[in-house]
Amino acid sequence: MNHPFTRNLVRSGRELEFPADKLATDVLIESAIPIDIKCSGGICGACKCRPVSGEVEHRDLVLSKMQREEADILCQSRAAEAGGVVEVDL
């Protein structure tokens, strides 16, 4: 189940709200954040970035358990809790 959360973009200094009814990549595109997207389904890994802080709920099919410590697939990942905050290196 999706829930709203916040993603802080460390390099750009922006804070974006992600509603429950939108893919994270849609919000990033609408906010003019340049990211690579191919599938939007969590299977290609094109939108991979480095998480900085926050608890991420990984929903992708690309990353291994070990890789999830150092990577985040933007199109499918969300904060683990409703109202949570995830910082990423964007």
C-alpha atoms as a PDB file:
ATOM      1  CA  MET A   1       0.000   0.000   0.000  1.00  0.00           C
ATOM      2  CA  ASN A   2       1.332   3.420  -0.914  1.00  0.00           C
ATOM      3  CA  HIS A   3       1.523   6.270   1.532  1.00  0.00           C
ATOM      4  CA  PRO A   4       2.734   9.871   1.292  1.00  0.00           C
ATOM      5  CA  PHE A   5       6.342  10.661   2.167  1.00  0.00           C
ATOM      6  CA  THR A   6       9.035  13.280   1.716  1.00  0.00           C
ATOM      7  CA  ARG A   7      12.252  12.934  -0.239  1.00  0.00           C
ATOM      8  CA  ASN A   8      15.071  15.402   0.393  1.00  0.00           C
ATOM      9  CA  LEU A   9      17.405  15.887  -2.558  1.00  0.00           C
ATOM     10  CA  VAL A  10      20.799  16.567  -0.990  1.00  0.00           C
ATOM     11  CA  ARG A  11      22.733  17.967  -3.967  1.00  0.00           C
ATOM     12  CA  SER A  12      19.965  20.247  -5.193  1.00  0.00           C
ATOM     13  CA  GLY A  13      18.814  21.246  -1.719  1.00  0.00           C
ATOM     14  CA  ARG A  14      15.175  20.544  -2.573  1.00  0.00           C
ATOM     15  CA  GLU A  15      12.485  18.854  -0.528  1.00  0.00           C
ATOM     16  CA  LEU A  16       9.674  17.163  -2.436  1.00  0.00           C
ATOM     17  CA  GLU A  17       6.397  15.709  -1.213  1.00  0.00           C
ATOM     18  CA  PHE A  18       5.367  12.386  -2.742  1.00  0.00           C
ATOM     19  CA  PRO A  19       1.632  11.671  -2.532  1.00  0.00           C
ATOM     20  CA  ALA A  20       0.359   8.124  -2.122  1.00  0.00           C
ATOM     21  CA  ASP A  21      -1.200   8.070  -5.590  1.00  0.00           C
ATOM     22  CA  LYS A  22       1.907   8.927  -7.659  1.00  0.00           C
ATOM     23  CA  LEU A  23       5.077   7.112  -8.648  1.00  0.00           C
ATOM     24  CA  ALA A  24       8.154   8.766  -7.220  1.00  0.00           C
ATOM     25  CA  THR A  25       9.609   9.230 -10.693  1.00  0.00           C
ATOM     26  CA  ASP A  26       6.473  11.106 -11.810  1.00  0.00           C
ATOM     27  CA  VAL A  27       6.938  13.604  -8.980  1.00  0.00           C
ATOM     28  CA  LEU A  28      10.630  14.017  -9.843  1.00  0.00           C
ATOM     29  CA  ILE A  29       9.874  14.616 -13.536  1.00  0.00           C
ATOM     30  CA  GLU A  30       7.099  17.101 -12.711  1.00  0.00           C
ATOM     31  CA  SER A  31       9.611  18.914 -10.477  1.00  0.00           C
ATOM     32  CA  ALA A  32      12.170  19.124 -13.318  1.00  0.00           C
ATOM     33  CA  ILE A  33      14.677  16.814 -11.591  1.00  0.00           C
ATOM     34  CA  PRO A  34      16.797  15.108 -14.286  1.00  0.00           C
ATOM     35  CA  ILE A  35      16.720  11.326 -13.824  1.00  0.00           C
ATOM     36  CA  ASP A  36      17.082   8.333 -16.125  1.00  0.00           C
ATOM     37  CA  ILE A  37      13.913   6.279 -16.496  1.00  0.00           C
ATOM     38  CA  LYS A  38      13.286   3.291 -18.727  1.00  0.00           C
ATOM     39  CA  CYS A  39      10.694   0.978 -17.208  1.00  0.00           C
ATOM     40  CA  SER A  40       9.134   2.713 -14.161  1.00  0.00           C
ATOM     41  CA  GLY A  41       8.527  -0.784 -12.816  1.00  0.00           C
ATOM     42  CA  GLY A  42      11.639  -1.429 -10.759  1.00  0.00           C
ATOM     43  CA  ILE A  43      13.122  -3.988 -13.121  1.00  0.00           C
ATOM     44  CA  CYS A  44      15.789  -2.142 -15.141  1.00  0.00           C
ATOM     45  CA  GLY A  45      17.737  -0.134 -12.548  1.00  0.00           C
ATOM     46  CA  ALA A  46      18.120   2.971 -14.733  1.00  0.00           C
ATOM     47  CA  CYS A  47      16.847   5.304 -11.982  1.00  0.00           C
ATOM     48  CA  LYS A  48      19.222   4.000  -9.318  1.00  0.00           C
ATOM     49  CA  CYS A  49      20.625   6.565  -6.900  1.00  0.00           C
ATOM     50  CA  ARG A  50      22.439   6.612  -3.569  1.00  0.00           C
ATOM     51  CA  PRO A  51      20.343   6.945  -0.426  1.00  0.00           C
ATOM     52  CA  VAL A  52      21.844   9.225   2.250  1.00  0.00           C
ATOM     53  CA  SER A  53      19.473   8.684   5.172  1.00  0.00           C
ATOM     54  CA  GLY A  54      16.021   7.443   6.068  1.00  0.00           C
ATOM     55  CA  GLU A  55      14.404   4.038   6.037  1.00  0.00           C
ATOM     56  CA  VAL A  56      13.542   2.918   2.491  1.00  0.00           C
ATOM     57  CA  GLU A  57      10.915   0.394   1.492  1.00  0.00           C
ATOM     58  CA  HIS A  58      12.492  -1.275  -1.535  1.00  0.00           C
ATOM     59  CA  ARG A  59       9.963  -2.544  -4.073  1.00  0.00           C
ATOM     60  CA  ASP A  60      12.302  -3.129  -6.982  1.00  0.00           C
ATOM     61  CA  LEU A  61      13.292  -6.435  -8.564  1.00  0.00           C
ATOM     62  CA  VAL A  62      16.848  -5.343  -9.390  1.00  0.00           C
ATOM     63  CA  LEU A  63      18.866  -4.887  -6.207  1.00  0.00           C
ATOM     64  CA  SER A  64      20.129  -7.680  -3.993  1.00  0.00           C
ATOM     65  CA  LYS A  65      19.762  -7.389  -0.230  1.00  0.00           C
ATOM     66  CA  MET A  66      23.373  -6.202   0.017  1.00  0.00           C
ATOM     67  CA  GLN A  67      22.962  -3.651  -2.798  1.00  0.00           C
ATOM     68  CA  ARG A  68      19.928  -2.148  -1.052  1.00  0.00           C
ATOM     69  CA  GLU A  69      22.256  -0.849   1.661  1.00  0.00           C
ATOM     70  CA  GLU A  70      23.890   1.487  -0.896  1.00  0.00           C
ATOM     71  CA  ALA A  71      21.300   2.016  -3.635  1.00  0.00           C
ATOM     72  CA  ASP A  72      17.718   3.087  -4.137  1.00  0.00           C
ATOM     73  CA  ILE A  73      15.582   2.462  -7.231  1.00  0.00           C
ATOM     74  CA  LEU A  74      13.645   5.718  -7.452  1.00  0.00           C
ATOM     75  CA  CYS A  75      10.653   4.561  -9.501  1.00  0.00           C
ATOM     76  CA  GLN A  76       9.448   2.028  -6.954  1.00  0.00           C
ATOM     77  CA  SER A  77      11.016   2.783  -3.573  1.00  0.00           C
ATOM     78  CA  ARG A  78       9.217   4.808  -0.929  1.00  0.00           C
ATOM     79  CA  ALA A  79       9.788   5.750   2.683  1.00  0.00           C
ATOM     80  CA  ALA A  80       9.136   2.756   4.909  1.00  0.00           C
ATOM     81  CA  GLU A  81       6.573   4.666   6.967  1.00  0.00           C
ATOM     82  CA  ALA A  82       3.762   7.069   6.106  1.00  0.00           C
ATOM     83  CA  GLY A  83       5.103  10.592   6.437  1.00  0.00           C
ATOM     84  CA  GLY A  84       8.687   9.300   6.478  1.00  0.00           C
ATOM     85  CA  VAL A  85      11.643  11.214   5.061  1.00  0.00           C
ATOM     86  CA  VAL A  86      14.273   9.742   2.752  1.00  0.00           C
ATOM     87  CA  GLU A  87      17.348  11.704   1.676  1.00  0.00           C
ATOM     88  CA  VAL A  88      18.975  10.807  -1.631  1.00  0.00           C
ATOM     89  CA  ASP A  89      22.032  12.013  -3.530  1.00  0.00           C
ATOM     90  CA  LEU A  90      20.234  14.035  -6.217  1.00  0.00           C
END
